[in-house]
Amino acid sequence: MLAGEPDLEVVGEAGDGEVAVALAASLTPDVVLMDLRMPVLDGVGATARIAGTGPRVLVLTTYDTDADILRAVEAGATGYLLKDTPRDTLVRGVRAAAQGQTVLAPTVATRLVGSMRSTAERPTAREAQVLALVAEGRSNAEVGRALFIGEATVKTHLLRTFAKLGVDDRTGAVTEARRRGWLA
């Protein structure tokens, strides 16, 4: 798609994140198009290693969960487009990324802004730990033992998490947390 553009040159292609990092170092492109799901080193890890070295990283993926978007942006991605982006929009996005402009698919921008607005609603680090253990099927007592806290404290963390998620039970909390990208 990009090779036909007179002002764009495709200089390399990688099948995994480690190769992408090596090619970015040796070929010194202006922009790296990065998928998130790759073997050996995922796109977020590769982005983190490439972003500070010169090339701009433009994520091009099918994944648009809040967690994926935030991880990519935090790793240093200049932009985030989805693979169903029309060709002309992708070409404009690559050119804009080369100039250092932020490029976001409209749906991604909406999710990112919504996520930033709801930061206060995110679980604390401890609430996230409790929720992750609950997602593994552990009881409150087991969670307490694993985290060296009392069962009453586990319940308090769960109640706060339920309120943030707008649910009233453990199953609902795990389901909604996964939907929001809070749990893998």
Protein backbone atom coordinates (compact mmCIF):
# COMPACT_ATOMS: atom_id res chain seq x y z
CA MET A 1 0.00 0.00 0.00
CA LEU A 2 2.73 2.45 0.90
CA ALA A 3 5.30 1.48 -1.73
CA GLY A 4 3.26 3.19 -4.46
CA GLU A 5 3.52 6.60 -2.82
CA PRO A 6 6.22 8.76 -4.47
CA ASP A 7 7.38 10.32 -1.18
CA LEU A 8 7.33 7.11 0.90
CA GLU A 9 9.85 4.28 0.78
CA VAL A 10 9.37 0.95 2.54
CA VAL A 11 12.85 0.01 3.76
CA GLY A 12 12.16 -3.13 5.76
CA GLU A 13 9.70 -5.59 7.20
CA ALA A 14 9.91 -7.65 10.39
CA GLY A 15 8.06 -10.75 11.50
CA ASP A 16 8.70 -10.27 15.21
CA GLY A 17 9.49 -7.48 17.67
CA GLU A 18 13.18 -8.31 18.11
CA VAL A 19 13.77 -8.15 14.36
CA ALA A 20 11.80 -4.88 14.23
CA VAL A 21 14.10 -3.34 16.85
CA ALA A 22 17.21 -4.53 14.99
CA LEU A 23 15.94 -3.30 11.62
CA ALA A 24 14.95 0.07 13.06
CA ALA A 25 18.49 0.46 14.39
CA SER A 26 20.21 -0.58 11.16
CA LEU A 27 17.88 1.01 8.60
CA THR A 28 17.06 4.22 10.56
CA PRO A 29 13.58 4.80 9.12
CA ASP A 30 11.61 7.95 9.85
CA VAL A 31 8.51 5.94 10.81
CA VAL A 32 8.01 2.37 11.98
CA LEU A 33 4.55 0.83 11.51
CA MET A 34 4.14 -1.50 14.48
CA ASP A 35 1.64 -4.27 15.14
CA LEU A 36 0.94 -5.04 18.79
CA ARG A 37 0.70 -8.82 18.61
CA MET A 38 4.03 -10.26 17.45
CA PRO A 39 6.16 -13.20 18.50
CA VAL A 40 9.40 -12.99 20.50
CA LEU A 41 8.88 -9.35 21.59
CA ASP A 42 5.41 -7.81 21.42
CA GLY A 43 4.71 -4.48 19.75
CA VAL A 44 4.63 -2.53 23.00
CA GLY A 45 8.05 -3.84 24.02
CA ALA A 46 9.46 -3.13 20.57
CA THR A 47 7.90 0.34 20.59
CA ALA A 48 9.51 1.13 23.94
CA ARG A 49 12.92 0.11 22.59
CA ILE A 50 12.56 1.97 19.28
CA ALA A 51 10.71 5.15 20.30
CA GLY A 52 13.62 6.92 21.97
CA THR A 53 16.13 6.13 19.21
CA GLY A 54 14.91 8.38 16.41
CA PRO A 55 12.13 6.73 14.41
CA ARG A 56 8.56 7.59 15.21
CA VAL A 57 6.42 4.54 15.95
CA LEU A 58 2.93 4.42 14.49
CA VAL A 59 0.93 1.47 15.82
CA LEU A 60 -1.18 -0.23 13.15
CA THR A 61 -3.25 -3.01 14.69
CA THR A 62 -6.68 -4.57 15.03
CA TYR A 63 -6.68 -4.18 18.82
CA ASP A 64 -8.37 -1.11 20.31
CA THR A 65 -8.89 -1.92 23.97
CA ASP A 66 -8.16 0.81 26.49
CA ALA A 67 -5.27 -1.22 27.90
CA ASP A 68 -3.64 -1.76 24.49
CA ILE A 69 -3.95 1.90 23.56
CA LEU A 70 -2.56 3.15 26.87
CA ARG A 71 0.33 0.68 26.87
CA ALA A 72 1.34 1.69 23.33
CA VAL A 73 1.14 5.42 24.05
CA GLU A 74 3.02 5.01 27.33
CA ALA A 75 5.71 3.05 25.46
CA GLY A 76 6.23 6.06 23.18
CA ALA A 77 4.02 5.47 20.15
CA THR A 78 3.43 8.63 18.11
CA GLY A 79 0.10 7.34 16.90
CA TYR A 80 -2.37 4.49 16.87
CA LEU A 81 -4.35 3.46 13.81
CA LEU A 82 -6.49 0.41 13.18
CA LYS A 83 -5.90 -1.99 10.31
CA ASP A 84 -9.28 -1.14 8.79
CA THR A 85 -8.09 2.45 8.31
CA PRO A 86 -8.70 3.57 4.71
CA ARG A 87 -5.56 3.71 2.55
CA ASP A 88 -5.53 7.50 2.14
CA THR A 89 -5.92 7.98 5.90
CA LEU A 90 -3.05 5.58 6.56
CA VAL A 91 -0.79 7.40 4.09
CA ARG A 92 -1.66 10.77 5.68
CA GLY A 93 -1.02 9.22 9.08
CA VAL A 94 2.45 8.00 8.12
CA ARG A 95 3.33 11.45 6.74
CA ALA A 96 2.00 13.17 9.87
CA ALA A 97 3.88 10.76 12.16
CA ALA A 98 7.09 11.49 10.23
CA GLN A 99 6.57 15.15 11.11
CA GLY A 100 6.10 14.31 14.79
CA GLN A 101 2.34 14.79 14.84
CA THR A 102 0.11 12.56 16.95
CA VAL A 103 -2.06 10.33 14.79
CA LEU A 104 -5.08 8.60 16.30
CA ALA A 105 -7.97 6.74 14.72
CA PRO A 106 -11.20 8.51 15.75
CA THR A 107 -12.38 5.54 17.80
CA VAL A 108 -8.99 5.32 19.49
CA ALA A 109 -9.03 9.04 20.31
CA THR A 110 -12.48 8.66 21.84
CA ARG A 111 -11.37 5.70 23.96
CA LEU A 112 -8.17 7.44 25.02
CA VAL A 113 -9.97 10.60 26.10
CA GLY A 114 -12.60 8.55 27.89
CA SER A 115 -9.92 6.55 29.62
CA MET A 116 -8.14 9.70 30.75
CA ARG A 117 -11.39 11.12 32.09
CA SER A 118 -12.04 7.95 34.04
CA THR A 119 -8.57 7.74 35.60
CA ALA A 120 -10.10 8.45 38.99
CA GLU A 121 -12.29 5.39 38.46
CA ARG A 122 -9.34 3.07 37.86
CA PRO A 123 -8.40 0.60 40.56
CA THR A 124 -5.51 1.33 42.86
CA ALA A 125 -2.49 -0.95 42.58
CA ARG A 126 -3.72 -3.04 45.52
CA GLU A 127 -7.27 -3.23 44.16
CA ALA A 128 -5.84 -4.44 40.86
CA GLN A 129 -3.82 -7.13 42.66
CA VAL A 130 -6.91 -8.29 44.53
CA LEU A 131 -8.97 -8.32 41.34
CA ALA A 132 -6.31 -10.29 39.45
CA LEU A 133 -6.30 -12.97 42.14
CA VAL A 134 -10.10 -13.07 42.20
CA ALA A 135 -9.99 -13.54 38.41
CA GLU A 136 -7.85 -16.64 39.03
CA GLY A 137 -10.73 -18.03 41.09
CA ARG A 138 -9.23 -17.49 44.53
CA SER A 139 -11.41 -16.98 47.60
CA ASN A 140 -11.13 -13.87 49.77
CA ALA A 141 -9.16 -15.87 52.33
CA GLU A 142 -6.74 -17.11 49.65
CA VAL A 143 -6.31 -13.59 48.27
CA GLY A 144 -5.61 -12.31 51.77
CA ARG A 145 -2.97 -14.97 52.37
CA ALA A 146 -1.32 -14.31 49.00
CA LEU A 147 -1.13 -10.54 49.63
CA PHE A 148 -0.48 -10.74 53.39
CA ILE A 149 -3.63 -8.78 54.23
CA GLY A 150 -6.72 -9.63 56.23
CA GLU A 151 -9.86 -11.02 54.67
CA ALA A 152 -11.77 -7.88 55.74
CA THR A 153 -9.24 -5.76 53.83
CA VAL A 154 -9.76 -7.94 50.75
CA LYS A 155 -13.51 -7.34 51.04
CA THR A 156 -12.94 -3.58 51.34
CA HIS A 157 -10.80 -3.57 48.18
CA LEU A 158 -13.42 -5.60 46.35
CA LEU A 159 -16.25 -3.30 47.41
CA ARG A 160 -14.32 -0.26 46.19
CA THR A 161 -13.59 -2.04 42.92
CA PHE A 162 -17.26 -3.02 42.53
CA ALA A 163 -18.22 0.64 42.93
CA LYS A 164 -15.67 1.78 40.33
CA LEU A 165 -16.89 -0.84 37.88
CA GLY A 166 -20.59 -0.37 38.60
CA VAL A 167 -21.09 -4.04 39.48
CA ASP A 168 -22.24 -5.88 42.58
CA ASP A 169 -20.41 -9.21 42.55
CA ARG A 170 -17.06 -10.87 41.87
CA THR A 171 -18.08 -12.36 38.52
CA GLY A 172 -19.37 -9.02 37.29
CA ALA A 173 -16.19 -7.31 38.47
CA VAL A 174 -13.92 -9.72 36.60
CA THR A 175 -16.07 -9.57 33.45
CA GLU A 176 -16.23 -5.76 33.43
CA ALA A 177 -12.56 -5.36 34.31
CA ARG A 178 -11.63 -7.58 31.36
CA ARG A 179 -13.92 -5.60 29.07
CA ARG A 180 -12.22 -2.37 30.13
CA GLY A 181 -8.77 -3.85 29.68
CA TRP A 182 -7.89 -3.80 33.38
CA LEU A 183 -7.23 -7.54 33.37
CA ALA A 184 -5.39 -9.55 30.73
